[in-house]
Amino acid sequence: MIIVGAGVAGLSASLASIERILERGTDDARIAVLERASRADRGGNTRYQHRHLPDEGRPHDQR
């Protein structure tokens, strides 16, 4: 299986595939995650998610 993109969706798909392979008891499957972005730019839109998370553990509305 080839998964394109190393953001949350791509990595979740790869993990789900690995779990399914293990459940079936097969060991002949291969999974490749391909990412075009540079190491600094990896993560797709997930890279921007930190902007929507609380700072220093404080809820968003208390900043």
Protein backbone atom coordinates (compact mmCIF):
# COMPACT_ATOMS: atom_id res chain seq x y z
CA MET A 1 0.00 0.00 0.00
CA ILE A 2 1.24 3.48 -0.82
CA ILE A 3 -0.01 6.36 1.31
CA VAL A 4 0.61 9.85 -0.01
CA GLY A 5 1.14 12.54 2.61
CA ALA A 6 2.62 12.47 6.10
CA GLY A 7 0.03 14.64 7.82
CA VAL A 8 -2.37 13.30 10.41
CA ALA A 9 -4.61 11.69 7.80
CA GLY A 10 -1.75 9.90 6.06
CA LEU A 11 -0.13 8.69 9.25
CA SER A 12 -3.52 7.59 10.63
CA ALA A 13 -4.16 5.62 7.46
CA SER A 14 -0.78 3.93 7.73
CA LEU A 15 -1.36 3.03 11.38
CA ALA A 16 -4.84 1.67 10.61
CA SER A 17 -3.34 -0.42 7.80
CA ILE A 18 -0.65 -1.82 10.08
CA GLU A 19 -3.26 -2.69 12.72
CA ARG A 20 -5.41 -4.46 10.12
CA ILE A 21 -2.40 -6.42 8.86
CA LEU A 22 -1.59 -7.53 12.40
CA GLU A 23 -5.22 -8.51 13.06
CA ARG A 24 -5.21 -10.72 9.98
CA GLY A 25 -1.96 -12.32 11.01
CA THR A 26 -0.26 -11.71 7.69
CA ASP A 27 3.28 -10.45 7.44
CA ASP A 28 3.68 -10.10 3.69
CA ALA A 29 2.10 -6.64 3.32
CA ARG A 30 4.15 -3.49 2.86
CA ILE A 31 3.21 0.10 3.54
CA ALA A 32 5.03 3.15 2.22
CA VAL A 33 4.27 6.72 3.26
CA LEU A 34 5.38 9.25 0.65
CA GLU A 35 5.83 12.92 1.43
CA ARG A 36 6.86 15.55 -1.11
CA ALA A 37 7.48 18.37 1.37
CA SER A 38 10.84 19.06 2.93
CA ARG A 39 11.47 17.83 6.47
CA ALA A 40 10.75 21.32 7.84
CA ASP A 41 7.46 21.56 5.93
CA ARG A 42 6.09 18.06 6.58
CA GLY A 43 2.71 17.50 8.13
CA GLY A 44 0.28 19.01 5.64
CA ASN A 45 -2.29 21.27 7.25
CA THR A 46 -1.47 19.69 10.60
CA ARG A 47 1.54 22.03 10.73
CA TYR A 48 -0.87 24.91 11.35
CA GLN A 49 -2.95 23.19 14.03
CA HIS A 50 -0.84 24.55 16.89
CA ARG A 51 -2.38 27.94 16.22
CA HIS A 52 -5.73 26.59 17.40
CA LEU A 53 -4.43 24.90 20.53
CA PRO A 54 -4.21 26.57 23.93
CA ASP A 55 -0.97 28.28 24.91
CA GLU A 56 0.81 26.85 27.95
CA GLY A 57 -2.12 24.63 28.88
CA ARG A 58 -4.63 27.49 29.21
CA PRO A 59 -8.05 27.16 27.58
CA HIS A 60 -8.44 29.11 24.34
CA ASP A 61 -10.87 31.66 25.80
CA GLN A 62 -8.54 32.54 28.70
CA ARG A 63 -5.60 33.83 26.63
